[in-house]
Amino acid sequence: MRNKYIEAFEAGQISAKNVPDFRAGDTVRVAVKIVEGDKQRIQNFEGVCIARRGSGTGETFMVRKIGANSVGVERIFPIYSDSIDEIVVVRRGVVRRSKLFYLRDRRGKAAKIKELRK
């Protein structure tokens, strides 16, 4: 059981941030605020969400993209971080697992995820 004061604080933090509904298998675009000296800019990181973990304000998600020279790049983002400007769901994927770590071993068409059609 958690402390009621901590729960009240976390509830305020969570309600202040507008987070879309997404899960593992979805392709997301995360707009990250980057500070360079006294300047600030927004850089997009787009890839497949391969995992979500945690709960409350400590919840995180892992995004994997294929970068330059076909090298896989993974980043872990806290959902309620101030450094995240927005999260956009680009497409929904059909997967049967909550953690897609098997994508690390796959290349090309083998790493494709079927799109959810409505």
N, C-alpha and C. Protein backbone atom coordinates (compact mmCIF):
# COMPACT_ATOMS: atom_id res chain seq x y z
N MET A 1 0.84 -1.19 0.00
CA MET A 1 0.00 0.00 0.00
C MET A 1 0.88 1.25 0.00
N ARG A 2 0.47 2.21 -0.80
CA ARG A 2 1.27 3.42 -0.94
C ARG A 2 0.73 4.51 -0.02
N ASN A 3 1.57 5.48 0.23
CA ASN A 3 1.22 6.62 1.07
C ASN A 3 0.16 7.46 0.35
N LYS A 4 -0.86 7.92 1.07
CA LYS A 4 -1.94 8.68 0.44
C LYS A 4 -1.46 10.02 -0.09
N TYR A 5 -0.44 10.61 0.52
CA TYR A 5 0.10 11.87 0.03
C TYR A 5 0.83 11.69 -1.29
N ILE A 6 1.56 10.60 -1.40
CA ILE A 6 2.26 10.29 -2.66
C ILE A 6 1.24 10.02 -3.76
N GLU A 7 0.19 9.27 -3.44
CA GLU A 7 -0.84 8.98 -4.44
C GLU A 7 -1.54 10.26 -4.90
N ALA A 8 -1.80 11.20 -3.99
CA ALA A 8 -2.45 12.45 -4.36
C ALA A 8 -1.54 13.28 -5.27
N PHE A 9 -0.25 13.30 -4.95
CA PHE A 9 0.71 14.04 -5.78
C PHE A 9 0.79 13.44 -7.16
N GLU A 10 0.88 12.10 -7.26
CA GLU A 10 0.98 11.43 -8.55
C GLU A 10 -0.28 11.64 -9.38
N ALA A 11 -1.43 11.67 -8.73
CA ALA A 11 -2.69 11.89 -9.47
C ALA A 11 -2.68 13.26 -10.13
N GLY A 12 -2.14 14.26 -9.45
CA GLY A 12 -2.03 15.59 -10.05
C GLY A 12 -1.08 15.63 -11.21
N GLN A 13 0.02 14.89 -11.11
CA GLN A 13 1.01 14.84 -12.19
C GLN A 13 0.43 14.15 -13.42
N ILE A 14 -0.31 13.08 -13.19
CA ILE A 14 -0.84 12.30 -14.30
C ILE A 14 -1.95 13.06 -15.02
N SER A 15 -2.81 13.74 -14.28
CA SER A 15 -3.93 14.44 -14.92
C SER A 15 -3.46 15.65 -15.72
N ALA A 16 -2.28 16.20 -15.38
CA ALA A 16 -1.78 17.38 -16.09
C ALA A 16 -1.26 17.05 -17.48
N LYS A 17 -0.89 15.80 -17.73
CA LYS A 17 -0.29 15.41 -19.00
C LYS A 17 -1.32 14.66 -19.84
N ASN A 18 -1.40 14.99 -21.13
CA ASN A 18 -2.32 14.33 -22.04
C ASN A 18 -1.55 13.26 -22.81
N VAL A 19 -1.74 11.99 -22.43
CA VAL A 19 -1.01 10.88 -23.04
C VAL A 19 -2.00 10.04 -23.86
N PRO A 20 -1.70 9.79 -25.15
CA PRO A 20 -2.61 8.96 -25.95
C PRO A 20 -2.57 7.50 -25.51
N ASP A 21 -3.58 6.77 -25.93
CA ASP A 21 -3.66 5.36 -25.62
C ASP A 21 -2.82 4.60 -26.65
N PHE A 22 -1.72 4.01 -26.22
CA PHE A 22 -0.90 3.20 -27.13
C PHE A 22 -0.34 2.03 -26.35
N ARG A 23 0.13 1.02 -27.08
CA ARG A 23 0.67 -0.18 -26.46
C ARG A 23 1.80 -0.72 -27.32
N ALA A 24 2.37 -1.82 -26.90
CA ALA A 24 3.46 -2.43 -27.66
C ALA A 24 2.95 -2.83 -29.04
N GLY A 25 3.76 -2.58 -30.06
CA GLY A 25 3.39 -2.88 -31.43
C GLY A 25 2.96 -1.66 -32.21
N ASP A 26 2.61 -0.58 -31.52
CA ASP A 26 2.21 0.65 -32.18
C ASP A 26 3.44 1.45 -32.59
N THR A 27 3.34 2.11 -33.73
CA THR A 27 4.40 3.02 -34.17
C THR A 27 4.06 4.40 -33.61
N VAL A 28 5.00 4.95 -32.86
CA VAL A 28 4.76 6.24 -32.21
C VAL A 28 5.83 7.24 -32.61
N ARG A 29 5.45 8.51 -32.59
CA ARG A 29 6.39 9.61 -32.82
C ARG A 29 6.45 10.40 -31.52
N VAL A 30 7.64 10.42 -30.91
CA VAL A 30 7.83 11.11 -29.64
C VAL A 30 8.60 12.39 -29.92
N ALA A 31 7.99 13.52 -29.57
CA ALA A 31 8.64 14.82 -29.73
C ALA A 31 9.39 15.13 -28.44
N VAL A 32 10.73 15.10 -28.51
CA VAL A 32 11.57 15.26 -27.33
C VAL A 32 12.18 16.66 -27.34
N LYS A 33 12.12 17.33 -26.19
CA LYS A 33 12.75 18.64 -26.07
C LYS A 33 14.24 18.43 -25.82
N ILE A 34 15.07 19.11 -26.61
CA ILE A 34 16.52 18.98 -26.47
C ILE A 34 17.07 20.36 -26.16
N VAL A 35 17.87 20.46 -25.10
CA VAL A 35 18.46 21.73 -24.69
C VAL A 35 19.93 21.70 -25.07
N GLU A 36 20.34 22.68 -25.88
CA GLU A 36 21.74 22.81 -26.29
C GLU A 36 22.20 24.20 -25.88
N GLY A 37 22.93 24.28 -24.79
CA GLY A 37 23.35 25.57 -24.27
C GLY A 37 22.15 26.33 -23.76
N ASP A 38 21.88 27.51 -24.31
CA ASP A 38 20.72 28.28 -23.90
C ASP A 38 19.56 28.15 -24.90
N LYS A 39 19.75 27.33 -25.95
CA LYS A 39 18.71 27.12 -26.95
C LYS A 39 17.97 25.82 -26.68
N GLN A 40 16.72 25.80 -27.11
CA GLN A 40 15.90 24.61 -26.93
C GLN A 40 15.20 24.30 -28.24
N ARG A 41 15.18 23.02 -28.62
CA ARG A 41 14.51 22.62 -29.85
C ARG A 41 13.78 21.31 -29.62
N ILE A 42 12.97 20.92 -30.59
CA ILE A 42 12.20 19.68 -30.50
C ILE A 42 12.70 18.73 -31.58
N GLN A 43 13.00 17.51 -31.17
CA GLN A 43 13.46 16.49 -32.11
C GLN A 43 12.52 15.29 -32.02
N ASN A 44 12.08 14.81 -33.17
CA ASN A 44 11.17 13.67 -33.21
C ASN A 44 11.95 12.37 -33.22
N PHE A 45 11.45 11.38 -32.48
CA PHE A 45 12.00 10.04 -32.48
C PHE A 45 10.84 9.11 -32.80
N GLU A 46 10.86 8.54 -34.01
CA GLU A 46 9.76 7.71 -34.45
C GLU A 46 10.20 6.27 -34.58
N GLY A 47 9.41 5.36 -34.00
CA GLY A 47 9.72 3.95 -34.08
C GLY A 47 8.61 3.12 -33.46
N VAL A 48 8.87 1.84 -33.33
CA VAL A 48 7.89 0.90 -32.79
C VAL A 48 8.04 0.84 -31.28
N CYS A 49 6.93 0.97 -30.58
CA CYS A 49 6.94 0.79 -29.12
C CYS A 49 7.07 -0.71 -28.86
N ILE A 50 8.18 -1.12 -28.23
CA ILE A 50 8.39 -2.55 -28.01
C ILE A 50 8.08 -2.97 -26.59
N ALA A 51 7.88 -2.02 -25.67
CA ALA A 51 7.55 -2.40 -24.30
C ALA A 51 7.02 -1.21 -23.53
N ARG A 52 6.15 -1.51 -22.56
CA ARG A 52 5.72 -0.54 -21.56
C ARG A 52 5.88 -1.21 -20.21
N ARG A 53 6.32 -0.45 -19.22
CA ARG A 53 6.48 -1.04 -17.90
C ARG A 53 6.23 0.00 -16.83
N GLY A 54 5.94 -0.47 -15.63
CA GLY A 54 5.72 0.41 -14.51
C GLY A 54 4.29 0.90 -14.43
N SER A 55 4.04 1.76 -13.43
CA SER A 55 2.72 2.34 -13.26
C SER A 55 2.87 3.69 -12.58
N GLY A 56 1.82 4.48 -12.66
CA GLY A 56 1.86 5.80 -12.04
C GLY A 56 2.83 6.72 -12.75
N THR A 57 3.47 7.59 -12.00
CA THR A 57 4.38 8.55 -12.61
C THR A 57 5.69 7.90 -13.03
N GLY A 58 5.97 6.70 -12.57
CA GLY A 58 7.20 6.01 -12.94
C GLY A 58 7.07 5.14 -14.17
N GLU A 59 5.96 5.23 -14.88
CA GLU A 59 5.75 4.38 -16.05
C GLU A 59 6.65 4.81 -17.20
N THR A 60 7.23 3.84 -17.89
CA THR A 60 8.12 4.12 -19.01
C THR A 60 7.70 3.28 -20.22
N PHE A 61 8.18 3.69 -21.38
CA PHE A 61 7.99 2.89 -22.59
C PHE A 61 9.26 2.93 -23.42
N MET A 62 9.48 1.86 -24.18
CA MET A 62 10.70 1.70 -24.96
C MET A 62 10.34 1.76 -26.44
N VAL A 63 11.05 2.60 -27.19
CA VAL A 63 10.81 2.77 -28.62
C VAL A 63 12.06 2.35 -29.37
N ARG A 64 11.86 1.57 -30.43
CA ARG A 64 12.98 1.08 -31.25
C ARG A 64 12.78 1.56 -32.68
N LYS A 65 13.85 2.10 -33.26
CA LYS A 65 13.83 2.48 -34.67
C LYS A 65 15.11 1.99 -35.32
N ILE A 66 15.07 1.90 -36.62
CA ILE A 66 16.25 1.52 -37.37
C ILE A 66 16.90 2.81 -37.84
N GLY A 67 18.10 3.09 -37.34
CA GLY A 67 18.81 4.33 -37.65
C GLY A 67 19.67 4.19 -38.88
N ALA A 68 20.69 5.01 -38.95
CA ALA A 68 21.60 5.01 -40.09
C ALA A 68 22.38 3.70 -40.15
N ASN A 69 22.71 3.27 -41.35
CA ASN A 69 23.47 2.03 -41.60
C ASN A 69 22.78 0.80 -41.04
N SER A 70 21.45 0.82 -40.99
CA SER A 70 20.65 -0.31 -40.50
C SER A 70 21.01 -0.72 -39.09
N VAL A 71 21.31 0.24 -38.26
CA VAL A 71 21.62 -0.01 -36.85
C VAL A 71 20.38 0.30 -36.03
N GLY A 72 19.97 -0.65 -35.19
CA GLY A 72 18.80 -0.43 -34.34
C GLY A 72 19.13 0.51 -33.18
N VAL A 73 18.23 1.45 -32.93
CA VAL A 73 18.40 2.41 -31.84
C VAL A 73 17.18 2.30 -30.94
N GLU A 74 17.41 2.11 -29.64
CA GLU A 74 16.32 2.02 -28.67
C GLU A 74 16.47 3.12 -27.65
N ARG A 75 15.34 3.71 -27.29
CA ARG A 75 15.33 4.72 -26.23
C ARG A 75 14.20 4.42 -25.27
N ILE A 76 14.44 4.67 -24.01
CA ILE A 76 13.43 4.50 -22.98
C ILE A 76 12.99 5.88 -22.53
N PHE A 77 11.68 6.11 -22.58
CA PHE A 77 11.12 7.40 -22.20
C PHE A 77 10.19 7.25 -21.00
N PRO A 78 10.32 8.10 -19.99
CA PRO A 78 9.28 8.17 -18.96
C PRO A 78 8.04 8.85 -19.57
N ILE A 79 6.88 8.28 -19.37
CA ILE A 79 5.67 8.81 -20.00
C ILE A 79 5.36 10.23 -19.52
N TYR A 80 5.55 10.48 -18.24
CA TYR A 80 5.17 11.78 -17.68
C TYR A 80 6.37 12.71 -17.52
N SER A 81 7.36 12.58 -18.39
CA SER A 81 8.54 13.41 -18.32
C SER A 81 8.26 14.80 -18.89
N ASP A 82 8.93 15.81 -18.34
CA ASP A 82 8.81 17.16 -18.87
C ASP A 82 9.56 17.32 -20.19
N SER A 83 10.50 16.43 -20.46
CA SER A 83 11.28 16.54 -21.70
C SER A 83 10.51 16.03 -22.91
N ILE A 84 9.36 15.40 -22.70
CA ILE A 84 8.53 14.93 -23.81
C ILE A 84 7.47 15.99 -24.09
N ASP A 85 7.48 16.51 -25.31
CA ASP A 85 6.51 17.53 -25.70
C ASP A 85 5.18 16.89 -26.05
N GLU A 86 5.22 15.87 -26.91
CA GLU A 86 3.99 15.16 -27.25
C GLU A 86 4.31 13.76 -27.76
N ILE A 87 3.31 12.89 -27.70
CA ILE A 87 3.41 11.53 -28.22
C ILE A 87 2.27 11.36 -29.23
N VAL A 88 2.61 10.98 -30.45
CA VAL A 88 1.61 10.79 -31.50
C VAL A 88 1.66 9.34 -31.95
N VAL A 89 0.50 8.69 -32.00
CA VAL A 89 0.41 7.32 -32.50
C VAL A 89 0.27 7.40 -34.01
N VAL A 90 1.29 6.92 -34.74
CA VAL A 90 1.30 6.99 -36.20
C VAL A 90 0.46 5.85 -36.78
N ARG A 91 0.65 4.65 -36.27
CA ARG A 91 -0.15 3.51 -36.71
C ARG A 91 -0.25 2.48 -35.61
N ARG A 92 -1.32 1.73 -35.64
CA ARG A 92 -1.57 0.67 -34.66
C ARG A 92 -1.08 -0.65 -35.21
N GLY A 93 -0.48 -1.46 -34.35
CA GLY A 93 0.03 -2.75 -34.79
C GLY A 93 -0.72 -3.90 -34.14
N VAL A 94 -0.76 -5.03 -34.84
CA VAL A 94 -1.38 -6.24 -34.32
C VAL A 94 -0.27 -7.13 -33.79
N VAL A 95 -0.20 -7.29 -32.47
CA VAL A 95 0.79 -8.16 -31.85
C VAL A 95 0.10 -8.99 -30.77
N ARG A 96 0.74 -10.09 -30.40
CA ARG A 96 0.16 -10.97 -29.40
C ARG A 96 1.00 -11.01 -28.13
N ARG A 97 1.93 -10.09 -28.00
CA ARG A 97 2.79 -10.04 -26.83
C ARG A 97 2.84 -8.61 -26.30
N SER A 98 3.21 -8.48 -25.03
CA SER A 98 3.33 -7.14 -24.45
C SER A 98 4.76 -6.64 -24.51
N LYS A 99 5.71 -7.53 -24.71
CA LYS A 99 7.12 -7.15 -24.85
C LYS A 99 7.62 -7.73 -26.16
N LEU A 100 8.12 -6.88 -27.04
CA LEU A 100 8.52 -7.31 -28.39
C LEU A 100 10.03 -7.32 -28.55
N PHE A 101 10.72 -7.90 -27.60
CA PHE A 101 12.18 -7.93 -27.64
C PHE A 101 12.71 -8.82 -28.76
N TYR A 102 11.87 -9.69 -29.31
CA TYR A 102 12.32 -10.55 -30.40
C TYR A 102 12.61 -9.74 -31.67
N LEU A 103 12.12 -8.50 -31.76
CA LEU A 103 12.39 -7.67 -32.93
C LEU A 103 13.86 -7.29 -33.04
N ARG A 104 14.59 -7.39 -31.93
CA ARG A 104 16.02 -7.04 -31.96
C ARG A 104 16.81 -7.96 -32.87
N ASP A 105 16.36 -9.20 -33.02
CA ASP A 105 17.08 -10.19 -33.83
C ASP A 105 16.62 -10.20 -35.29
N ARG A 106 15.62 -9.42 -35.62
CA ARG A 106 15.05 -9.48 -36.96
C ARG A 106 15.42 -8.26 -37.78
N ARG A 107 15.52 -8.46 -39.11
CA ARG A 107 15.87 -7.40 -40.03
C ARG A 107 14.87 -7.39 -41.18
N GLY A 108 14.65 -6.25 -41.78
CA GLY A 108 13.84 -6.14 -42.99
C GLY A 108 12.39 -6.54 -42.80
N LYS A 109 11.89 -7.37 -43.73
CA LYS A 109 10.49 -7.76 -43.70
C LYS A 109 10.14 -8.61 -42.49
N ALA A 110 11.11 -9.33 -41.96
CA ALA A 110 10.86 -10.18 -40.79
C ALA A 110 10.52 -9.34 -39.56
N ALA A 111 10.95 -8.08 -39.57
CA ALA A 111 10.70 -7.20 -38.42
C ALA A 111 9.42 -6.39 -38.59
N LYS A 112 8.67 -6.62 -39.66
CA LYS A 112 7.45 -5.86 -39.88
C LYS A 112 6.35 -6.31 -38.94
N ILE A 113 5.51 -5.36 -38.58
CA ILE A 113 4.36 -5.64 -37.74
C ILE A 113 3.10 -5.31 -38.54
N LYS A 114 2.15 -6.24 -38.54
CA LYS A 114 0.93 -6.06 -39.31
C LYS A 114 0.13 -4.89 -38.73
N GLU A 115 -0.46 -4.09 -39.60
CA GLU A 115 -1.22 -2.92 -39.16
C GLU A 115 -2.64 -3.30 -38.82
N LEU A 116 -3.16 -2.70 -37.74
CA LEU A 116 -4.55 -2.93 -37.33
C LEU A 116 -5.47 -2.11 -38.21
N ARG A 117 -6.35 -2.78 -38.91
CA ARG A 117 -7.32 -2.11 -39.79
C ARG A 117 -8.67 -2.08 -39.10
N LYS A 118 -9.34 -0.94 -39.18
CA LYS A 118 -10.67 -0.83 -38.56
C LYS A 118 -11.74 -0.70 -39.58
